[in-house]
Amino acid sequence: MSDLAAMDVAVAPVEKFREFLLTKKMRLTPEREAIVSAVYSTHDHFDAEQWIGTLSQRGGAEGASRSTIYRTLNLLVEAGLLRRVARANDREVYEHDYGYPQHDHLICRRCGDMIEFPNEEITQVLEQVAARFGFRMSGHRLEVDGLCAVCSRPPRREHRKLDMI
């Protein structure tokens, strides 16, 4: 669940990735470009296996093997375009890290639902703590584990006729 809107960025994600690859003496292949375009066509969180299925259904990354997709996702993380977030069952999911505001996560450990929320007060507290220790903060990520509203409801119990006597 997310109320976060994409921010305007000066450089498109594909171009930002191209610049990053040049610093590593790598090139933006058609497969990598298709992967970046597909990943940035939606803001949904995804795990690598789900995305591999989505890419193969779209047909946009023809010729991109499973290993190419995994390597490209890792490069996108290294480039600062994606980030990994822990999720239920210790699976990692990816989300956009470029073009979206700083935000944190509430993660339901039962159903895996992930609620994103921005909170300037958390950022201010962390900046104060960092300053107290002479630490230069460049960002933060907060992942709060627990149960969502649906999973924390008490179970509904059907009463048997004998229980009503």
Foldseek 3Di string as FASTA:
>chain_A
DEPWDFADDPDDLLVLLQVLCVVVVHGCDQLLSLLSVVQVVDFDKAALVVVVVVCVVVVSRPPQDSVNSVVSVVSCVVSQQKHWDAWAPRGIIIGGRPRIDAWEWEYENPPGDIYIDDDVVVVVVVVVVCVVVVHDDPGDYYYHYDHDPVRPDDDDDDDDPVNVD
